[in-house]
Amino acid sequence: MKFGAVLPHNEIGTDPGAMKAYVQGLEALGASHLLIYDHVLGADPDRPGGFNGVYDKDTAFHEPLTTHAFIAAVTNSLELVTTVLILPQRQAALVAKQTAEVAILSNNRFRLGVGIGWNAVEYEALGVPFSNRGARLDEQVRLLKTLWREDSVTFNGHLHTVTLASINPRPSKPIPVWFGGSAPAALTRCAVLGDGWMPLMGPSDKAAECVTMLRETREAAGLNWASFGIQGQAQFAGGTPERWHGHASKWKALGATHLAVATHNAGPTNVDGHLERVKNYLEAVGDLA
């Protein structure tokens, strides 16, 4: 199992020097990968009817693709991961171009995690229907893979059309596409189209049921299970070395291939403090790597 970290998006700040120090510090600690969350806009809770969500306009999120492009330039080994890019609210061809560029400039260190999101406020602002986001995601991933691979593309989908065109440059290797979500439709999509699964849940009975469904769906489709990945997340807040180790052991028993620790929301600290938290976590779980 590979261990990494989650960008402390709401605490890392906006100083480029601090971002550089953080990601280079992760590499020095031996972290395998870095996850970046995605939200384009936050809603103002002072709106008619109020707003009930896990974040709002006052929560900071660094845009993942441009941030990973910056990180690619100042690191050498860190795998750059979106967890998850809310793909249906974006133009698929533009995402194909942007992600290809990150993959190229990072020497194929980029992994694309995608999902449908939940915040209708973002979809409205970006001019994309919220209701068909699942079907849109399915078609977009098929189009992305085609644009990354083929010199001239003709694609006639229900929601996307490309006529004898493609992107250039294209990545030299396939970009891994992993999916979030745990609803049956999301798991089916993940199993058939994806290279891995990115659950938000812990290593519970529900997670075990999801893994079983993923495996059975892939095998029924004639797809390889051994190459399929599972990305878990751990929380530094409220943990101890014993609890972190137990949590990671449960994920490993379920077949997780990657686990990243989130160090934000655990009390005020700075870049050095976040790196110290990652260090403590990696030391606690090191025998599981």
Protein backbone atom coordinates (compact mmCIF):
# COMPACT_ATOMS: atom_id res chain seq x y z
CA MET A 1 0.00 0.00 0.00
CA LYS A 2 1.25 3.46 -0.93
CA PHE A 3 0.89 6.35 1.51
CA GLY A 4 0.42 10.02 0.68
CA ALA A 5 -1.26 13.19 1.87
CA VAL A 6 -4.22 15.45 1.17
CA LEU A 7 -3.45 19.08 0.40
CA PRO A 8 -4.62 21.14 3.40
CA HIS A 9 -6.63 23.27 0.99
CA ASN A 10 -8.26 25.60 3.49
CA GLU A 11 -5.08 26.10 5.54
CA ILE A 12 -2.13 26.05 3.11
CA GLY A 13 -2.70 29.69 2.14
CA THR A 14 -1.72 31.46 -1.07
CA ASP A 15 2.04 31.93 -0.70
CA PRO A 16 3.77 30.10 -3.60
CA GLY A 17 6.84 29.62 -1.43
CA ALA A 18 4.79 27.84 1.21
CA MET A 19 3.18 25.59 -1.39
CA LYS A 20 6.61 24.72 -2.80
CA ALA A 21 8.01 24.01 0.67
CA TYR A 22 5.05 21.80 1.49
CA VAL A 23 5.18 19.58 -1.60
CA GLN A 24 8.97 19.29 -1.54
CA GLY A 25 8.67 18.41 2.14
CA LEU A 26 6.23 15.63 1.28
CA GLU A 27 8.74 14.16 -1.17
CA ALA A 28 11.49 14.36 1.44
CA LEU A 29 9.27 12.43 3.86
CA GLY A 30 8.70 9.69 1.28
CA ALA A 31 5.04 10.45 0.58
CA SER A 32 3.91 8.68 -2.56
CA HIS A 33 1.10 10.96 -3.72
CA LEU A 34 -0.79 14.18 -3.09
CA LEU A 35 -4.57 14.52 -3.33
CA ILE A 36 -6.21 17.84 -4.18
CA TYR A 37 -9.94 18.38 -3.70
CA ASP A 38 -12.01 20.34 -6.21
CA HIS A 39 -14.66 23.04 -5.89
CA VAL A 40 -14.86 25.99 -8.26
CA LEU A 41 -17.28 28.10 -6.24
CA GLY A 42 -18.66 28.24 -2.75
CA ALA A 43 -22.18 29.37 -2.01
CA ASP A 44 -22.99 32.39 0.12
CA PRO A 45 -25.00 30.92 3.01
CA ASP A 46 -26.87 34.24 3.32
CA ARG A 47 -29.16 33.41 0.39
CA PRO A 48 -32.91 32.89 0.12
CA GLY A 49 -33.73 29.61 1.78
CA GLY A 50 -30.24 29.40 3.29
CA PHE A 51 -27.62 26.88 2.27
CA ASN A 52 -26.80 23.52 3.79
CA GLY A 53 -23.42 22.16 2.66
CA VAL A 54 -20.10 20.99 4.04
CA TYR A 55 -18.39 24.15 2.78
CA ASP A 56 -19.35 27.63 1.56
CA LYS A 57 -17.79 30.74 0.02
CA ASP A 58 -15.43 31.18 2.96
CA THR A 59 -13.71 27.80 2.47
CA ALA A 60 -10.63 27.98 0.26
CA PHE A 61 -9.99 25.44 -2.51
CA HIS A 62 -6.99 25.59 -4.84
CA GLU A 63 -7.94 24.76 -8.43
CA PRO A 64 -6.48 21.27 -8.86
CA LEU A 65 -5.21 21.21 -12.44
CA THR A 66 -3.38 24.53 -12.33
CA THR A 67 -2.05 23.77 -8.85
CA HIS A 68 -0.77 20.37 -9.97
CA ALA A 69 0.93 22.05 -12.92
CA PHE A 70 2.80 24.26 -10.44
CA ILE A 71 3.63 21.28 -8.25
CA ALA A 72 4.90 19.29 -11.24
CA ALA A 73 7.56 21.93 -11.80
CA VAL A 74 8.96 21.81 -8.27
CA THR A 75 8.81 18.06 -7.52
CA ASN A 76 10.32 14.91 -9.02
CA SER A 77 8.51 11.84 -7.74
CA LEU A 78 5.22 12.89 -6.12
CA GLU A 79 2.15 11.47 -7.87
CA LEU A 80 -0.36 14.27 -8.55
CA VAL A 81 -3.98 13.29 -7.97
CA THR A 82 -7.38 14.99 -8.20
CA THR A 83 -9.81 13.68 -5.60
CA VAL A 84 -12.14 14.28 -7.21
CA LEU A 85 -12.39 16.66 -10.16
CA ILE A 86 -16.08 17.41 -10.70
CA LEU A 87 -15.88 16.61 -14.38
CA PRO A 88 -19.50 17.05 -15.53
CA GLN A 89 -19.45 20.79 -14.76
CA ARG A 90 -16.48 21.24 -17.12
CA GLN A 91 -15.98 21.05 -20.90
CA ALA A 92 -14.63 17.59 -21.66
CA ALA A 93 -12.36 18.58 -24.55
CA LEU A 94 -10.79 21.37 -22.49
CA VAL A 95 -10.20 18.97 -19.57
CA ALA A 96 -8.60 16.51 -22.00
CA LYS A 97 -6.19 19.26 -23.08
CA GLN A 98 -5.43 20.44 -19.53
CA THR A 99 -4.92 16.99 -18.04
CA ALA A 100 -2.74 15.91 -20.97
CA GLU A 101 -0.52 18.92 -20.28
CA VAL A 102 -0.18 18.11 -16.58
CA ALA A 103 0.66 14.50 -17.44
CA ILE A 104 3.25 15.60 -20.01
CA LEU A 105 4.97 18.18 -17.82
CA SER A 106 5.02 15.89 -14.78
CA ASN A 107 6.53 12.97 -16.72
CA ASN A 108 3.35 10.91 -16.33
CA ARG A 109 2.90 11.49 -12.59
CA PHE A 110 -0.74 12.54 -12.91
CA ARG A 111 -3.80 10.51 -11.86
CA LEU A 112 -7.26 11.86 -12.65
CA GLY A 113 -9.94 11.22 -10.07
CA VAL A 114 -13.42 12.25 -11.18
CA GLY A 115 -16.91 12.46 -9.73
CA ILE A 116 -20.32 14.08 -10.23
CA GLY A 117 -20.30 16.43 -7.22
CA TRP A 118 -23.29 17.54 -5.21
CA ASN A 119 -23.41 21.33 -5.30
CA ALA A 120 -26.04 22.63 -7.73
CA VAL A 121 -24.83 26.19 -7.11
CA GLU A 122 -21.59 25.40 -8.95
CA TYR A 123 -23.37 23.80 -11.90
CA GLU A 124 -25.65 26.82 -12.26
CA ALA A 125 -22.72 29.25 -12.27
CA LEU A 126 -20.80 27.15 -14.81
CA GLY A 127 -23.80 26.90 -17.11
CA VAL A 128 -24.16 23.12 -17.00
CA PRO A 129 -27.32 21.11 -16.18
CA PHE A 130 -27.18 19.46 -12.76
CA SER A 131 -29.75 16.75 -13.49
CA ASN A 132 -27.84 14.71 -16.09
CA ARG A 133 -24.40 14.82 -14.48
CA GLY A 134 -24.08 11.05 -14.13
CA ALA A 135 -24.72 10.33 -17.79
CA ARG A 136 -22.53 13.28 -18.72
CA LEU A 137 -19.62 11.91 -16.67
CA ASP A 138 -19.89 8.50 -18.34
CA GLU A 139 -19.70 10.01 -21.82
CA GLN A 140 -16.97 12.49 -20.87
CA VAL A 141 -14.59 9.80 -19.65
CA ARG A 142 -15.03 7.87 -22.89
CA LEU A 143 -14.27 11.05 -24.84
CA LEU A 144 -11.25 11.95 -22.70
CA LYS A 145 -9.66 8.57 -23.28
CA THR A 146 -10.24 8.85 -27.01
CA LEU A 147 -8.76 12.36 -27.23
CA TRP A 148 -5.70 11.35 -25.20
CA ARG A 149 -5.09 8.42 -27.53
CA GLU A 150 -6.10 9.24 -31.11
CA ASP A 151 -4.70 11.64 -33.66
CA SER A 152 -8.07 12.38 -35.26
CA VAL A 153 -11.33 11.83 -33.41
CA THR A 154 -14.93 11.62 -34.53
CA PHE A 155 -17.18 11.23 -31.51
CA ASN A 156 -20.97 11.39 -31.69
CA GLY A 157 -22.40 11.12 -28.20
CA HIS A 158 -25.67 12.23 -26.69
CA LEU A 159 -24.00 15.27 -25.10
CA HIS A 160 -20.67 15.67 -26.89
CA THR A 161 -19.69 15.90 -30.54
CA VAL A 162 -16.20 15.97 -32.04
CA THR A 163 -15.75 15.86 -35.79
CA LEU A 164 -12.31 14.96 -37.12
CA ALA A 165 -10.29 16.77 -34.46
CA SER A 166 -8.07 16.02 -31.47
CA ILE A 167 -5.65 17.51 -28.99
CA ASN A 168 -1.92 17.93 -29.51
CA PRO A 169 0.32 17.23 -27.66
CA ARG A 170 -1.08 14.03 -26.20
CA PRO A 171 0.28 12.13 -23.17
CA SER A 172 2.82 9.40 -23.89
CA LYS A 173 1.05 7.00 -21.52
CA PRO A 174 -2.63 6.52 -20.64
CA ILE A 175 -3.76 8.80 -17.82
CA PRO A 176 -5.28 6.67 -15.03
CA VAL A 177 -8.91 7.59 -14.37
CA TRP A 178 -10.33 6.81 -10.93
CA PHE A 179 -13.89 7.43 -9.79
CA GLY A 180 -15.49 8.63 -6.60
CA GLY A 181 -18.98 7.72 -5.44
CA SER A 182 -20.63 4.72 -3.83
CA ALA A 183 -24.12 4.59 -5.33
CA PRO A 184 -24.76 1.50 -7.47
CA ALA A 185 -24.68 3.49 -10.73
CA ALA A 186 -21.41 5.15 -9.69
CA LEU A 187 -19.82 1.82 -8.78
CA THR A 188 -20.86 0.28 -12.10
CA ARG A 189 -19.38 3.25 -13.97
CA CYS A 190 -16.20 2.99 -11.92
CA ALA A 191 -15.82 -0.74 -12.48
CA VAL A 192 -16.35 -0.59 -16.25
CA LEU A 193 -14.59 2.67 -17.14
CA GLY A 194 -12.19 3.25 -14.26
CA ASP A 195 -8.73 2.25 -13.14
CA GLY A 196 -9.56 2.68 -9.47
CA TRP A 197 -12.06 3.77 -6.81
CA MET A 198 -11.85 6.78 -4.46
CA PRO A 199 -14.35 6.34 -1.63
CA LEU A 200 -15.00 8.96 1.04
CA MET A 201 -16.11 6.33 3.56
CA GLY A 202 -13.92 4.45 6.00
CA PRO A 203 -12.99 0.75 5.85
CA SER A 204 -16.46 -0.36 6.92
CA ASP A 205 -18.85 -3.17 6.04
CA LYS A 206 -20.35 -0.80 3.47
CA ALA A 207 -16.91 -0.31 1.89
CA ALA A 208 -16.45 -4.09 1.77
CA GLU A 209 -19.80 -4.45 -0.03
CA CYS A 210 -18.72 -1.80 -2.55
CA VAL A 211 -15.40 -3.56 -3.18
CA THR A 212 -17.24 -6.82 -3.77
CA MET A 213 -19.60 -5.16 -6.26
CA LEU A 214 -16.69 -3.50 -8.07
CA ARG A 215 -14.82 -6.76 -8.34
CA GLU A 216 -17.82 -8.76 -9.53
CA THR A 217 -18.75 -6.10 -12.10
CA ARG A 218 -15.22 -5.94 -13.50
CA GLU A 219 -14.91 -9.70 -13.70
CA ALA A 220 -18.31 -9.97 -15.42
CA ALA A 221 -17.07 -7.44 -17.99
CA GLY A 222 -13.87 -9.40 -18.54
CA LEU A 223 -11.70 -6.69 -16.96
CA ASN A 224 -8.59 -7.21 -14.85
CA TRP A 225 -9.09 -6.81 -11.10
CA ALA A 226 -5.41 -7.09 -10.14
CA SER A 227 -4.60 -3.76 -11.79
CA PHE A 228 -7.56 -1.93 -10.21
CA GLY A 229 -6.73 0.48 -7.38
CA ILE A 230 -8.50 1.70 -4.24
CA GLN A 231 -7.66 5.10 -2.70
CA GLY A 232 -8.58 5.53 0.95
CA GLN A 233 -8.24 8.59 3.15
CA ALA A 234 -7.33 8.98 6.80
CA GLN A 235 -7.75 11.87 9.20
CA PHE A 236 -4.94 13.15 11.39
CA ALA A 237 -7.43 14.93 13.64
CA GLY A 238 -8.41 12.90 16.68
CA GLY A 239 -6.03 10.08 15.83
CA THR A 240 -3.17 8.32 17.55
CA PRO A 241 -0.46 6.11 16.07
CA GLU A 242 -2.41 3.06 17.18
CA ARG A 243 -5.67 4.28 15.65
CA TRP A 244 -3.98 5.30 12.39
CA HIS A 245 -2.32 1.90 12.13
CA GLY A 246 -5.56 0.05 12.85
CA HIS A 247 -7.46 2.12 10.31
CA ALA A 248 -4.79 1.56 7.63
CA SER A 249 -4.69 -2.16 8.38
CA LYS A 250 -8.42 -2.41 7.77
CA TRP A 251 -8.09 -0.62 4.45
CA LYS A 252 -5.24 -2.90 3.43
CA ALA A 253 -7.33 -5.96 4.30
CA LEU A 254 -10.06 -4.64 1.96
CA GLY A 255 -7.55 -4.36 -0.86
CA ALA A 256 -6.67 -0.66 -0.74
CA THR A 257 -3.63 0.23 -2.80
CA HIS A 258 -3.31 3.87 -1.67
CA LEU A 259 -4.05 5.78 1.52
CA ALA A 260 -3.63 9.53 2.07
CA VAL A 261 -3.75 11.42 5.36
CA ALA A 262 -5.63 14.71 5.67
CA THR A 263 -3.93 17.01 8.16
CA HIS A 264 -6.27 20.01 8.01
CA ASN A 265 -9.02 20.76 10.53
CA ALA A 266 -6.81 19.48 13.33
CA GLY A 267 -5.97 22.81 14.95
CA PRO A 268 -4.04 25.86 13.76
CA THR A 269 -0.58 25.17 12.33
CA ASN A 270 1.76 26.15 9.49
CA VAL A 271 3.51 24.30 6.65
CA ASP A 272 6.06 22.79 9.02
CA GLY A 273 3.24 21.69 11.29
CA HIS A 274 1.37 19.97 8.47
CA LEU A 275 4.56 18.20 7.41
CA GLU A 276 5.19 17.10 10.99
CA ARG A 277 1.68 15.61 11.07
CA VAL A 278 2.33 13.71 7.84
CA LYS A 279 5.66 12.50 9.27
CA ASN A 280 3.97 11.20 12.42
CA TYR A 281 1.33 9.40 10.35
CA LEU A 282 3.82 7.81 7.96
CA GLU A 283 5.92 6.56 10.87
CA ALA A 284 2.83 4.96 12.43
CA VAL A 285 1.84 3.05 9.28
CA GLY A 286 5.26 2.46 7.76
CA ASP A 287 5.23 -1.33 8.18
CA LEU A 288 2.10 -1.52 5.98
CA ALA A 289 3.75 0.09 2.96
